[in-house]
Amino acid sequence: QDRKTGAYQLSPQREDIAHFMHRDPGENYYGLG
């Protein structure tokens, strides 16, 4: 699930973008090359 208190940052005034997701403490993350 996305972060309930704000998930996406998309603005025509700014070049940067962002995506925020909820994080469960028991999740593991792999990859990123």
ModelCIF file with pLDDT and N, C-alpha, C, O atoms, coordinates in Angstrom:
data_MODEL
#
_entry.id   MODEL 
#
_entity.id                         1 
_entity.type                       polymer 
_entity.pdbx_number_of_molecules   1 
#
_entity_poly.entity_id                      1 
_entity_poly.type                           'polypeptide(L)' 
_entity_poly.nstd_linkage                   no 
_entity_poly.nstd_monomer                   no 
_entity_poly.pdbx_seq_one_letter_code       QDRKTGAYQLSPQREDIAHFMHRDPGENYYGLG 
_entity_poly.pdbx_seq_one_letter_code_can   QDRKTGAYQLSPQREDIAHFMHRDPGENYYGLG 
_entity_poly.pdbx_strand_id                 A 
#
loop_
_entity_poly_seq.entity_id 
_entity_poly_seq.num 
_entity_poly_seq.mon_id 
_entity_poly_seq.hetero 
1 1  GLN n 
1 2  ASP n 
1 3  ARG n 
1 4  LYS n 
1 5  THR n 
1 6  GLY n 
1 7  ALA n 
1 8  TYR n 
1 9  GLN n 
1 10 LEU n 
1 11 SER n 
1 12 PRO n 
1 13 GLN n 
1 14 ARG n 
1 15 GLU n 
1 16 ASP n 
1 17 ILE n 
1 18 ALA n 
1 19 HIS n 
1 20 PHE n 
1 21 MET n 
1 22 HIS n 
1 23 ARG n 
1 24 ASP n 
1 25 PRO n 
1 26 GLY n 
1 27 GLU n 
1 28 ASN n 
1 29 TYR n 
1 30 TYR n 
1 31 GLY n 
1 32 LEU n 
1 33 GLY n 
#
_struct_asym.id          A 
_struct_asym.entity_id   1 
#
loop_
_ma_qa_metric.id 
_ma_qa_metric.mode 
_ma_qa_metric.name 
_ma_qa_metric.software_group_id 
_ma_qa_metric.type 
1 global pLDDT . pLDDT 
2 local  pLDDT . pLDDT 
#
_ma_qa_metric_global.metric_id      1 
_ma_qa_metric_global.metric_value   93.58 
_ma_qa_metric_global.model_id       1 
_ma_qa_metric_global.ordinal_id     1 
#
loop_
_ma_qa_metric_local.label_asym_id 
_ma_qa_metric_local.label_comp_id 
_ma_qa_metric_local.label_seq_id 
_ma_qa_metric_local.metric_id 
_ma_qa_metric_local.metric_value 
_ma_qa_metric_local.model_id 
_ma_qa_metric_local.ordinal_id 
A GLN 1  2 97.00 1 1  
A ASP 2  2 98.00 1 2  
A ARG 3  2 98.00 1 3  
A LYS 4  2 97.00 1 4  
A THR 5  2 97.00 1 5  
A GLY 6  2 96.00 1 6  
A ALA 7  2 97.00 1 7  
A TYR 8  2 96.00 1 8  
A GLN 9  2 93.00 1 9  
A LEU 10 2 90.00 1 10 
A SER 11 2 78.00 1 11 
A PRO 12 2 75.00 1 12 
A GLN 13 2 74.00 1 13 
A ARG 14 2 75.00 1 14 
A GLU 15 2 83.00 1 15 
A ASP 16 2 90.00 1 16 
A ILE 17 2 95.00 1 17 
A ALA 18 2 97.00 1 18 
A HIS 19 2 98.00 1 19 
A PHE 20 2 98.00 1 20 
A MET 21 2 98.00 1 21 
A HIS 22 2 98.00 1 22 
A ARG 23 2 98.00 1 23 
A ASP 24 2 97.00 1 24 
A PRO 25 2 94.00 1 25 
A GLY 26 2 96.00 1 26 
A GLU 27 2 97.00 1 27 
A ASN 28 2 98.00 1 28 
A TYR 29 2 98.00 1 29 
A TYR 30 2 98.00 1 30 
A GLY 31 2 98.00 1 31 
A LEU 32 2 98.00 1 32 
A GLY 33 2 98.00 1 33 
#
loop_
_atom_site.group_PDB 
_atom_site.id 
_atom_site.type_symbol 
_atom_site.label_atom_id 
_atom_site.label_alt_id 
_atom_site.label_comp_id 
_atom_site.label_asym_id 
_atom_site.label_entity_id 
_atom_site.label_seq_id 
_atom_site.pdbx_PDB_ins_code 
_atom_site.Cartn_x 
_atom_site.Cartn_y 
_atom_site.Cartn_z 
_atom_site.occupancy 
_atom_site.B_iso_or_equiv 
_atom_site.pdbx_formal_charge 
_atom_site.auth_seq_id 
_atom_site.auth_comp_id 
_atom_site.auth_asym_id 
_atom_site.auth_atom_id 
_atom_site.pdbx_PDB_model_num 
ATOM 1   N N  . GLN A 1 1  ? 0.841  -1.196 0.000   1.00 97.00 ? 1  GLN A N  1 
ATOM 2   C CA . GLN A 1 1  ? 0.000  0.000  0.000   1.00 97.00 ? 1  GLN A CA 1 
ATOM 3   C C  . GLN A 1 1  ? 0.873  1.241  0.000   1.00 97.00 ? 1  GLN A C  1 
ATOM 4   O O  . GLN A 1 1  ? 1.976  1.259  0.544   1.00 97.00 ? 1  GLN A O  1 
ATOM 5   N N  . ASP A 1 2  ? 0.341  2.273  -0.627  1.00 98.00 ? 2  ASP A N  1 
ATOM 6   C CA . ASP A 1 2  ? 1.016  3.560  -0.592  1.00 98.00 ? 2  ASP A CA 1 
ATOM 7   C C  . ASP A 1 2  ? 0.927  4.159  0.813   1.00 98.00 ? 2  ASP A C  1 
ATOM 8   O O  . ASP A 1 2  ? 0.089  3.750  1.617   1.00 98.00 ? 2  ASP A O  1 
ATOM 9   N N  . ARG A 1 3  ? 1.798  5.130  1.100   1.00 98.00 ? 3  ARG A N  1 
ATOM 10  C CA . ARG A 1 3  ? 1.738  5.847  2.370   1.00 98.00 ? 3  ARG A CA 1 
ATOM 11  C C  . ARG A 1 3  ? 0.456  6.676  2.412   1.00 98.00 ? 3  ARG A C  1 
ATOM 12  O O  . ARG A 1 3  ? 0.187  7.461  1.503   1.00 98.00 ? 3  ARG A O  1 
ATOM 13  N N  . LYS A 1 4  ? -0.319 6.498  3.455   1.00 97.00 ? 4  LYS A N  1 
ATOM 14  C CA . LYS A 1 4  ? -1.623 7.154  3.530   1.00 97.00 ? 4  LYS A CA 1 
ATOM 15  C C  . LYS A 1 4  ? -1.491 8.664  3.693   1.00 97.00 ? 4  LYS A C  1 
ATOM 16  O O  . LYS A 1 4  ? -2.365 9.407  3.247   1.00 97.00 ? 4  LYS A O  1 
ATOM 17  N N  . THR A 1 5  ? -0.419 9.128  4.319   1.00 97.00 ? 5  THR A N  1 
ATOM 18  C CA . THR A 1 5  ? -0.232 10.565 4.568   1.00 97.00 ? 5  THR A CA 1 
ATOM 19  C C  . THR A 1 5  ? 0.607  11.211 3.476   1.00 97.00 ? 5  THR A C  1 
ATOM 20  O O  . THR A 1 5  ? 1.503  12.006 3.757   1.00 97.00 ? 5  THR A O  1 
ATOM 21  N N  . GLY A 1 6  ? 0.313  10.867 2.246   1.00 96.00 ? 6  GLY A N  1 
ATOM 22  C CA . GLY A 1 6  ? 1.033  11.455 1.122   1.00 96.00 ? 6  GLY A CA 1 
ATOM 23  C C  . GLY A 1 6  ? 1.891  10.436 0.421   1.00 96.00 ? 6  GLY A C  1 
ATOM 24  O O  . GLY A 1 6  ? 2.886  9.973  0.978   1.00 96.00 ? 6  GLY A O  1 
ATOM 25  N N  . ALA A 1 7  ? 1.522  10.075 -0.803  1.00 97.00 ? 7  ALA A N  1 
ATOM 26  C CA . ALA A 1 7  ? 2.228  9.012  -1.516  1.00 97.00 ? 7  ALA A CA 1 
ATOM 27  C C  . ALA A 1 7  ? 3.018  9.506  -2.720  1.00 97.00 ? 7  ALA A C  1 
ATOM 28  O O  . ALA A 1 7  ? 4.044  8.919  -3.063  1.00 97.00 ? 7  ALA A O  1 
ATOM 29  N N  . TYR A 1 8  ? 2.552  10.595 -3.382  1.00 96.00 ? 8  TYR A N  1 
ATOM 30  C CA . TYR A 1 8  ? 3.185  11.015 -4.634  1.00 96.00 ? 8  TYR A CA 1 
ATOM 31  C C  . TYR A 1 8  ? 3.521  12.490 -4.593  1.00 96.00 ? 8  TYR A C  1 
ATOM 32  O O  . TYR A 1 8  ? 2.745  13.304 -4.091  1.00 96.00 ? 8  TYR A O  1 
ATOM 33  N N  . GLN A 1 9  ? 4.685  12.829 -5.126  1.00 93.00 ? 9  GLN A N  1 
ATOM 34  C CA . GLN A 1 9  ? 5.068  14.216 -5.312  1.00 93.00 ? 9  GLN A CA 1 
ATOM 35  C C  . GLN A 1 9  ? 5.308  14.448 -6.795  1.00 93.00 ? 9  GLN A C  1 
ATOM 36  O O  . GLN A 1 9  ? 6.288  13.967 -7.364  1.00 93.00 ? 9  GLN A O  1 
ATOM 37  N N  . LEU A 1 10 ? 4.403  15.188 -7.407  1.00 90.00 ? 10 LEU A N  1 
ATOM 38  C CA . LEU A 1 10 ? 4.496  15.531 -8.814  1.00 90.00 ? 10 LEU A CA 1 
ATOM 39  C C  . LEU A 1 10 ? 4.099  16.992 -8.942  1.00 90.00 ? 10 LEU A C  1 
ATOM 40  O O  . LEU A 1 10 ? 2.976  17.368 -8.609  1.00 90.00 ? 10 LEU A O  1 
ATOM 41  N N  . SER A 1 11 ? 5.016  17.809 -9.423  1.00 78.00 ? 11 SER A N  1 
ATOM 42  C CA . SER A 1 11 ? 4.721  19.239 -9.463  1.00 78.00 ? 11 SER A CA 1 
ATOM 43  C C  . SER A 1 11 ? 5.253  19.840 -10.747 1.00 78.00 ? 11 SER A C  1 
ATOM 44  O O  . SER A 1 11 ? 6.402  19.597 -11.117 1.00 78.00 ? 11 SER A O  1 
ATOM 45  N N  . PRO A 1 12 ? 4.426  20.625 -11.438 1.00 75.00 ? 12 PRO A N  1 
ATOM 46  C CA . PRO A 1 12 ? 4.919  21.280 -12.664 1.00 75.00 ? 12 PRO A CA 1 
ATOM 47  C C  . PRO A 1 12 ? 5.964  22.347 -12.380 1.00 75.00 ? 12 PRO A C  1 
ATOM 48  O O  . PRO A 1 12 ? 6.698  22.751 -13.282 1.00 75.00 ? 12 PRO A O  1 
ATOM 49  N N  . GLN A 1 13 ? 6.039  22.813 -11.124 1.00 74.00 ? 13 GLN A N  1 
ATOM 50  C CA . GLN A 1 13 ? 7.026  23.825 -10.777 1.00 74.00 ? 13 GLN A CA 1 
ATOM 51  C C  . GLN A 1 13 ? 8.388  23.227 -10.420 1.00 74.00 ? 13 GLN A C  1 
ATOM 52  O O  . GLN A 1 13 ? 9.385  23.945 -10.347 1.00 74.00 ? 13 GLN A O  1 
ATOM 53  N N  . ARG A 1 14 ? 8.427  21.895 -10.195 1.00 75.00 ? 14 ARG A N  1 
ATOM 54  C CA . ARG A 1 14 ? 9.679  21.256 -9.784  1.00 75.00 ? 14 ARG A CA 1 
ATOM 55  C C  . ARG A 1 14 ? 9.978  20.074 -10.696 1.00 75.00 ? 14 ARG A C  1 
ATOM 56  O O  . ARG A 1 14 ? 9.067  19.445 -11.234 1.00 75.00 ? 14 ARG A O  1 
ATOM 57  N N  . GLU A 1 15 ? 11.255 19.779 -10.864 1.00 83.00 ? 15 GLU A N  1 
ATOM 58  C CA . GLU A 1 15 ? 11.639 18.662 -11.715 1.00 83.00 ? 15 GLU A CA 1 
ATOM 59  C C  . GLU A 1 15 ? 11.635 17.340 -10.966 1.00 83.00 ? 15 GLU A C  1 
ATOM 60  O O  . GLU A 1 15 ? 11.437 16.289 -11.575 1.00 83.00 ? 15 GLU A O  1 
ATOM 61  N N  . ASP A 1 16 ? 11.854 17.373 -9.632  1.00 90.00 ? 16 ASP A N  1 
ATOM 62  C CA . ASP A 1 16 ? 11.984 16.122 -8.894  1.00 90.00 ? 16 ASP A CA 1 
ATOM 63  C C  . ASP A 1 16 ? 10.618 15.483 -8.653  1.00 90.00 ? 16 ASP A C  1 
ATOM 64  O O  . ASP A 1 16 ? 9.591  16.161 -8.602  1.00 90.00 ? 16 ASP A O  1 
ATOM 65  N N  . ILE A 1 17 ? 10.637 14.166 -8.508  1.00 95.00 ? 17 ILE A N  1 
ATOM 66  C CA . ILE A 1 17 ? 9.430  13.383 -8.273  1.00 95.00 ? 17 ILE A CA 1 
ATOM 67  C C  . ILE A 1 17 ? 9.700  12.423 -7.120  1.00 95.00 ? 17 ILE A C  1 
ATOM 68  O O  . ILE A 1 17 ? 10.852 12.171 -6.769  1.00 95.00 ? 17 ILE A O  1 
ATOM 69  N N  . ALA A 1 18 ? 8.622  11.886 -6.530  1.00 97.00 ? 18 ALA A N  1 
ATOM 70  C CA . ALA A 1 18 ? 8.794  10.959 -5.416  1.00 97.00 ? 18 ALA A CA 1 
ATOM 71  C C  . ALA A 1 18 ? 7.587  10.045 -5.306  1.00 97.00 ? 18 ALA A C  1 
ATOM 72  O O  . ALA A 1 18 ? 6.479  10.386 -5.719  1.00 97.00 ? 18 ALA A O  1 
ATOM 73  N N  . HIS A 1 19 ? 7.835  8.874  -4.736  1.00 98.00 ? 19 HIS A N  1 
ATOM 74  C CA . HIS A 1 19 ? 6.788  7.894  -4.439  1.00 98.00 ? 19 HIS A CA 1 
ATOM 75  C C  . HIS A 1 19 ? 7.080  7.317  -3.062  1.00 98.00 ? 19 HIS A C  1 
ATOM 76  O O  . HIS A 1 19 ? 8.185  6.841  -2.802  1.00 98.00 ? 19 HIS A O  1 
ATOM 77  N N  . PHE A 1 20 ? 6.077  7.363  -2.175  1.00 98.00 ? 20 PHE A N  1 
ATOM 78  C CA . PHE A 1 20 ? 6.222  6.872  -0.807  1.00 98.00 ? 20 PHE A CA 1 
ATOM 79  C C  . PHE A 1 20 ? 5.265  5.707  -0.588  1.00 98.00 ? 20 PHE A C  1 
ATOM 80  O O  . PHE A 1 20 ? 4.093  5.780  -0.958  1.00 98.00 ? 20 PHE A O  1 
ATOM 81  N N  . MET A 1 21 ? 5.767  4.638  0.013   1.00 98.00 ? 21 MET A N  1 
ATOM 82  C CA . MET A 1 21 ? 4.947  3.469  0.313   1.00 98.00 ? 21 MET A CA 1 
ATOM 83  C C  . MET A 1 21 ? 5.016  3.148  1.805   1.00 98.00 ? 21 MET A C  1 
ATOM 84  O O  . MET A 1 21 ? 6.001  3.447  2.479   1.00 98.00 ? 21 MET A O  1 
ATOM 85  N N  . HIS A 1 22 ? 3.962  2.544  2.289   1.00 98.00 ? 22 HIS A N  1 
ATOM 86  C CA . HIS A 1 22 ? 3.953  2.071  3.676   1.00 98.00 ? 22 HIS A CA 1 
ATOM 87  C C  . HIS A 1 22 ? 5.012  0.974  3.836   1.00 98.00 ? 22 HIS A C  1 
ATOM 88  O O  . HIS A 1 22 ? 5.240  0.179  2.925   1.00 98.00 ? 22 HIS A O  1 
ATOM 89  N N  . ARG A 1 23 ? 5.645  0.947  4.997   1.00 98.00 ? 23 ARG A N  1 
ATOM 90  C CA . ARG A 1 23 ? 6.682  -0.046 5.271   1.00 98.00 ? 23 ARG A CA 1 
ATOM 91  C C  . ARG A 1 23 ? 6.315  -0.849 6.514   1.00 98.00 ? 23 ARG A C  1 
ATOM 92  O O  . ARG A 1 23 ? 6.143  -0.297 7.601   1.00 98.00 ? 23 ARG A O  1 
ATOM 93  N N  . ASP A 1 24 ? 6.199  -2.159 6.331   1.00 97.00 ? 24 ASP A N  1 
ATOM 94  C CA . ASP A 1 24 ? 5.973  -3.053 7.463   1.00 97.00 ? 24 ASP A CA 1 
ATOM 95  C C  . ASP A 1 24 ? 7.314  -3.475 8.047   1.00 97.00 ? 24 ASP A C  1 
ATOM 96  O O  . ASP A 1 24 ? 8.270  -3.678 7.299   1.00 97.00 ? 24 ASP A O  1 
ATOM 97  N N  . PRO A 1 25 ? 7.406  -3.614 9.369   1.00 94.00 ? 25 PRO A N  1 
ATOM 98  C CA . PRO A 1 25 ? 8.703  -3.948 9.985   1.00 94.00 ? 25 PRO A CA 1 
ATOM 99  C C  . PRO A 1 25 ? 9.235  -5.318 9.588   1.00 94.00 ? 25 PRO A C  1 
ATOM 100 O O  . PRO A 1 25 ? 10.443 -5.549 9.660   1.00 94.00 ? 25 PRO A O  1 
ATOM 101 N N  . GLY A 1 26 ? 8.362  -6.236 9.170   1.00 96.00 ? 26 GLY A N  1 
ATOM 102 C CA . GLY A 1 26 ? 8.823  -7.580 8.830   1.00 96.00 ? 26 GLY A CA 1 
ATOM 103 C C  . GLY A 1 26 ? 9.179  -7.772 7.373   1.00 96.00 ? 26 GLY A C  1 
ATOM 104 O O  . GLY A 1 26 ? 9.510  -8.883 6.956   1.00 96.00 ? 26 GLY A O  1 
ATOM 105 N N  . GLU A 1 27 ? 9.115  -6.700 6.587   1.00 97.00 ? 27 GLU A N  1 
ATOM 106 C CA . GLU A 1 27 ? 9.439  -6.826 5.167   1.00 97.00 ? 27 GLU A CA 1 
ATOM 107 C C  . GLU A 1 27 ? 10.952 -6.862 4.960   1.00 97.00 ? 27 GLU A C  1 
ATOM 108 O O  . GLU A 1 27 ? 11.710 -6.241 5.704   1.00 97.00 ? 27 GLU A O  1 
ATOM 109 N N  . ASN A 1 28 ? 11.377 -7.608 3.927   1.00 98.00 ? 28 ASN A N  1 
ATOM 110 C CA . ASN A 1 28 ? 12.765 -7.615 3.480   1.00 98.00 ? 28 ASN A CA 1 
ATOM 111 C C  . ASN A 1 28 ? 12.825 -7.079 2.062   1.00 98.00 ? 28 ASN A C  1 
ATOM 112 O O  . ASN A 1 28 ? 11.877 -7.227 1.291   1.00 98.00 ? 28 ASN A O  1 
ATOM 113 N N  . TYR A 1 29 ? 13.951 -6.452 1.719   1.00 98.00 ? 29 TYR A N  1 
ATOM 114 C CA . TYR A 1 29 ? 14.103 -5.833 0.405   1.00 98.00 ? 29 TYR A CA 1 
ATOM 115 C C  . TYR A 1 29 ? 15.397 -6.318 -0.249  1.00 98.00 ? 29 TYR A C  1 
ATOM 116 O O  . TYR A 1 29 ? 16.455 -6.351 0.380   1.00 98.00 ? 29 TYR A O  1 
ATOM 117 N N  . TYR A 1 30 ? 15.290 -6.690 -1.519  1.00 98.00 ? 30 TYR A N  1 
ATOM 118 C CA . TYR A 1 30 ? 16.430 -7.225 -2.259  1.00 98.00 ? 30 TYR A CA 1 
ATOM 119 C C  . TYR A 1 30 ? 16.496 -6.580 -3.637  1.00 98.00 ? 30 TYR A C  1 
ATOM 120 O O  . TYR A 1 30 ? 15.492 -6.099 -4.163  1.00 98.00 ? 30 TYR A O  1 
ATOM 121 N N  . GLY A 1 31 ? 17.682 -6.578 -4.207  1.00 98.00 ? 31 GLY A N  1 
ATOM 122 C CA . GLY A 1 31 ? 17.836 -6.075 -5.567  1.00 98.00 ? 31 GLY A CA 1 
ATOM 123 C C  . GLY A 1 31 ? 18.614 -4.788 -5.629  1.00 98.00 ? 31 GLY A C  1 
ATOM 124 O O  . GLY A 1 31 ? 19.632 -4.634 -4.954  1.00 98.00 ? 31 GLY A O  1 
ATOM 125 N N  . LEU A 1 32 ? 18.129 -3.841 -6.456  1.00 98.00 ? 32 LEU A N  1 
ATOM 126 C CA . LEU A 1 32 ? 18.796 -2.565 -6.744  1.00 98.00 ? 32 LEU A CA 1 
ATOM 127 C C  . LEU A 1 32 ? 20.124 -2.758 -7.480  1.00 98.00 ? 32 LEU A C  1 
ATOM 128 O O  . LEU A 1 32 ? 20.949 -1.847 -7.546  1.00 98.00 ? 32 LEU A O  1 
ATOM 129 N N  . GLY A 1 33 ? 20.315 -3.956 -8.030  1.00 98.00 ? 33 GLY A N  1 
ATOM 130 C CA . GLY A 1 33 ? 21.503 -4.173 -8.857  1.00 98.00 ? 33 GLY A CA 1 
ATOM 131 C C  . GLY A 1 33 ? 22.774 -4.224 -8.062  1.00 98.00 ? 33 GLY A C  1 
ATOM 132 O O  . GLY A 1 33 ? 23.851 -4.401 -8.632  1.00 98.00 ? 33 GLY A O  1 
#
